[in-house]
Amino acid sequence: MVVALAGNKSDLLDARKVTVEEAQTYAQENGLFFMETSAKTAVNVKEIFFEIARKLPRVQPTETQQEWFYQTGPWIGQ
Protein backbone atom coordinates (compact mmCIF):
# COMPACT_ATOMS: atom_id res chain seq x y z
CA MET A 1 0.00 0.00 0.00
CA VAL A 2 1.24 3.48 -0.84
CA VAL A 3 0.27 6.40 1.37
CA ALA A 4 1.24 9.99 0.72
CA LEU A 5 1.02 13.03 2.94
CA ALA A 6 0.21 16.12 0.87
CA GLY A 7 1.02 19.45 2.45
CA ASN A 8 -1.64 21.34 0.52
CA LYS A 9 -1.95 25.11 0.18
CA SER A 10 1.80 25.59 -0.09
CA ASP A 11 0.98 28.90 -1.80
CA LEU A 12 -0.27 30.32 1.55
CA LEU A 13 3.04 30.61 3.40
CA ASP A 14 1.74 33.17 5.91
CA ALA A 15 -1.13 30.91 6.98
CA ARG A 16 1.09 27.86 7.58
CA LYS A 17 0.06 25.79 10.62
CA VAL A 18 2.63 22.98 10.21
CA THR A 19 6.26 23.45 9.27
CA VAL A 20 7.82 21.48 6.45
CA GLU A 21 10.14 19.85 8.97
CA GLU A 22 7.22 18.73 11.17
CA ALA A 23 5.41 17.24 8.18
CA GLN A 24 8.55 15.47 6.94
CA THR A 25 9.23 14.04 10.39
CA TYR A 26 5.63 12.85 10.74
CA ALA A 27 5.73 11.25 7.30
CA GLN A 28 9.03 9.53 8.00
CA GLU A 29 7.88 8.21 11.39
CA ASN A 30 4.70 6.79 9.83
CA GLY A 31 6.14 5.28 6.65
CA LEU A 32 4.63 7.91 4.35
CA PHE A 33 6.15 10.06 1.70
CA PHE A 34 5.60 13.79 1.91
CA MET A 35 5.25 16.44 -0.74
CA GLU A 36 4.07 20.02 -0.48
CA THR A 37 1.35 20.84 -3.01
CA SER A 38 -0.93 23.65 -4.09
CA ALA A 39 -4.13 22.92 -5.94
CA LYS A 40 -4.52 26.64 -6.61
CA THR A 41 -1.19 27.03 -8.40
CA ALA A 42 -0.89 23.36 -9.50
CA VAL A 43 2.48 22.98 -7.76
CA ASN A 44 3.36 19.28 -7.34
CA VAL A 45 -0.20 18.09 -8.00
CA LYS A 46 0.74 15.86 -10.95
CA GLU A 47 4.03 14.97 -9.31
CA ILE A 48 2.44 13.52 -6.16
CA PHE A 49 0.20 11.26 -8.25
CA PHE A 50 3.14 10.18 -10.43
CA GLU A 51 5.13 9.39 -7.29
CA ILE A 52 2.25 7.31 -5.91
CA ALA A 53 2.05 5.40 -9.21
CA ARG A 54 5.83 4.91 -9.27
CA LYS A 55 5.75 3.40 -5.78
CA LEU A 56 2.91 0.96 -6.52
CA PRO A 57 3.99 -2.68 -6.59
CA ARG A 58 4.52 -4.09 -10.06
CA VAL A 59 2.39 -7.08 -11.04
CA GLN A 60 3.88 -9.45 -13.56
CA PRO A 61 1.37 -10.80 -16.12
CA THR A 62 0.80 -14.53 -16.07
CA GLU A 63 1.94 -16.66 -18.99
CA THR A 64 -1.68 -16.94 -20.19
CA GLN A 65 -2.10 -13.15 -20.15
CA GLN A 66 1.13 -12.72 -22.11
CA GLU A 67 0.04 -15.28 -24.72
CA TRP A 68 -3.36 -13.55 -25.08
CA PHE A 69 -1.69 -10.17 -25.51
CA TYR A 70 0.65 -11.37 -28.24
CA GLN A 71 -2.17 -13.21 -30.04
CA THR A 72 -4.64 -10.29 -29.96
CA GLY A 73 -2.38 -7.25 -30.12
CA PRO A 74 -3.15 -4.31 -32.43
CA TRP A 75 -0.50 -5.52 -34.92
CA ILE A 76 -2.49 -8.71 -35.73
CA GLY A 77 -4.00 -8.56 -39.21
CA GLN A 78 -1.93 -5.64 -40.44
C-alpha atoms as a PDB file:
ATOM      1  CA  MET A   1       0.000   0.000   0.000  1.00  0.00           C
ATOM      2  CA  VAL A   2       1.245   3.475  -0.842  1.00  0.00           C
ATOM      3  CA  VAL A   3       0.271   6.398   1.371  1.00  0.00           C
ATOM      4  CA  ALA A   4       1.244   9.994   0.723  1.00  0.00           C
ATOM      5  CA  LEU A   5       1.022  13.035   2.941  1.00  0.00           C
ATOM      6  CA  ALA A   6       0.205  16.117   0.869  1.00  0.00           C
ATOM      7  CA  GLY A   7       1.021  19.445   2.454  1.00  0.00           C
ATOM      8  CA  ASN A   8      -1.644  21.340   0.519  1.00  0.00           C
ATOM      9  CA  LYS A   9      -1.946  25.113   0.176  1.00  0.00           C
ATOM     10  CA  SER A  10       1.796  25.587  -0.091  1.00  0.00           C
ATOM     11  CA  ASP A  11       0.983  28.897  -1.796  1.00  0.00           C
ATOM     12  CA  LEU A  12      -0.269  30.315   1.548  1.00  0.00           C
ATOM     13  CA  LEU A  13       3.036  30.610   3.400  1.00  0.00           C
ATOM     14  CA  ASP A  14       1.745  33.173   5.906  1.00  0.00           C
ATOM     15  CA  ALA A  15      -1.127  30.908   6.984  1.00  0.00           C
ATOM     16  CA  ARG A  16       1.089  27.861   7.581  1.00  0.00           C
ATOM     17  CA  LYS A  17       0.062  25.791  10.621  1.00  0.00           C
ATOM     18  CA  VAL A  18       2.626  22.983  10.212  1.00  0.00           C
ATOM     19  CA  THR A  19       6.264  23.454   9.274  1.00  0.00           C
ATOM     20  CA  VAL A  20       7.816  21.479   6.445  1.00  0.00           C
ATOM     21  CA  GLU A  21      10.143  19.853   8.966  1.00  0.00           C
ATOM     22  CA  GLU A  22       7.218  18.729  11.166  1.00  0.00           C
ATOM     23  CA  ALA A  23       5.412  17.241   8.182  1.00  0.00           C
ATOM     24  CA  GLN A  24       8.551  15.466   6.938  1.00  0.00           C
ATOM     25  CA  THR A  25       9.227  14.037  10.392  1.00  0.00           C
ATOM     26  CA  TYR A  26       5.629  12.850  10.742  1.00  0.00           C
ATOM     27  CA  ALA A  27       5.731  11.248   7.301  1.00  0.00           C
ATOM     28  CA  GLN A  28       9.035   9.525   8.001  1.00  0.00           C
ATOM     29  CA  GLU A  29       7.881   8.213  11.394  1.00  0.00           C
ATOM     30  CA  ASN A  30       4.698   6.793   9.831  1.00  0.00           C
ATOM     31  CA  GLY A  31       6.136   5.285   6.654  1.00  0.00           C
ATOM     32  CA  LEU A  32       4.630   7.912   4.349  1.00  0.00           C
ATOM     33  CA  PHE A  33       6.155  10.063   1.701  1.00  0.00           C
ATOM     34  CA  PHE A  34       5.598  13.792   1.910  1.00  0.00           C
ATOM     35  CA  MET A  35       5.255  16.442  -0.745  1.00  0.00           C
ATOM     36  CA  GLU A  36       4.068  20.024  -0.483  1.00  0.00           C
ATOM     37  CA  THR A  37       1.347  20.844  -3.011  1.00  0.00           C
ATOM     38  CA  SER A  38      -0.929  23.649  -4.094  1.00  0.00           C
ATOM     39  CA  ALA A  39      -4.128  22.916  -5.939  1.00  0.00           C
ATOM     40  CA  LYS A  40      -4.516  26.638  -6.610  1.00  0.00           C
ATOM     41  CA  THR A  41      -1.188  27.025  -8.404  1.00  0.00           C
ATOM     42  CA  ALA A  42      -0.887  23.359  -9.499  1.00  0.00           C
ATOM     43  CA  VAL A  43       2.476  22.982  -7.758  1.00  0.00           C
ATOM     44  CA  ASN A  44       3.359  19.283  -7.340  1.00  0.00           C
ATOM     45  CA  VAL A  45      -0.201  18.087  -8.005  1.00  0.00           C
ATOM     46  CA  LYS A  46       0.741  15.855 -10.951  1.00  0.00           C
ATOM     47  CA  GLU A  47       4.027  14.975  -9.306  1.00  0.00           C
ATOM     48  CA  ILE A  48       2.443  13.519  -6.163  1.00  0.00           C
ATOM     49  CA  PHE A  49       0.198  11.258  -8.253  1.00  0.00           C
ATOM     50  CA  PHE A  50       3.141  10.183 -10.430  1.00  0.00           C
ATOM     51  CA  GLU A  51       5.131   9.386  -7.290  1.00  0.00           C
ATOM     52  CA  ILE A  52       2.250   7.306  -5.915  1.00  0.00           C
ATOM     53  CA  ALA A  53       2.053   5.404  -9.208  1.00  0.00           C
ATOM     54  CA  ARG A  54       5.832   4.912  -9.270  1.00  0.00           C
ATOM     55  CA  LYS A  55       5.753   3.398  -5.783  1.00  0.00           C
ATOM     56  CA  LEU A  56       2.909   0.959  -6.522  1.00  0.00           C
ATOM     57  CA  PRO A  57       3.993  -2.680  -6.589  1.00  0.00           C
ATOM     58  CA  ARG A  58       4.520  -4.094 -10.059  1.00  0.00           C
ATOM     59  CA  VAL A  59       2.392  -7.077 -11.040  1.00  0.00           C
ATOM     60  CA  GLN A  60       3.882  -9.452 -13.558  1.00  0.00           C
ATOM     61  CA  PRO A  61       1.373 -10.801 -16.118  1.00  0.00           C
ATOM     62  CA  THR A  62       0.799 -14.529 -16.073  1.00  0.00           C
ATOM     63  CA  GLU A  63       1.936 -16.659 -18.990  1.00  0.00           C
ATOM     64  CA  THR A  64      -1.679 -16.936 -20.193  1.00  0.00           C
ATOM     65  CA  GLN A  65      -2.099 -13.151 -20.153  1.00  0.00           C
ATOM     66  CA  GLN A  66       1.128 -12.715 -22.110  1.00  0.00           C
ATOM     67  CA  GLU A  67       0.037 -15.279 -24.721  1.00  0.00           C
ATOM     68  CA  TRP A  68      -3.355 -13.553 -25.077  1.00  0.00           C
ATOM     69  CA  PHE A  69      -1.691 -10.168 -25.510  1.00  0.00           C
ATOM     70  CA  TYR A  70       0.652 -11.370 -28.243  1.00  0.00           C
ATOM     71  CA  GLN A  71      -2.166 -13.209 -30.041  1.00  0.00           C
ATOM     72  CA  THR A  72      -4.645 -10.291 -29.956  1.00  0.00           C
ATOM     73  CA  GLY A  73      -2.382  -7.253 -30.124  1.00  0.00           C
ATOM     74  CA  PRO A  74      -3.150  -4.311 -32.432  1.00  0.00           C
ATOM     75  CA  TRP A  75      -0.505  -5.518 -34.916  1.00  0.00           C
ATOM     76  CA  ILE A  76      -2.491  -8.706 -35.734  1.00  0.00           C
ATOM     77  CA  GLY A  77      -4.004  -8.564 -39.210  1.00  0.00           C
ATOM     78  CA  GLN A  78      -1.927  -5.641 -40.440  1.00  0.00           C
END
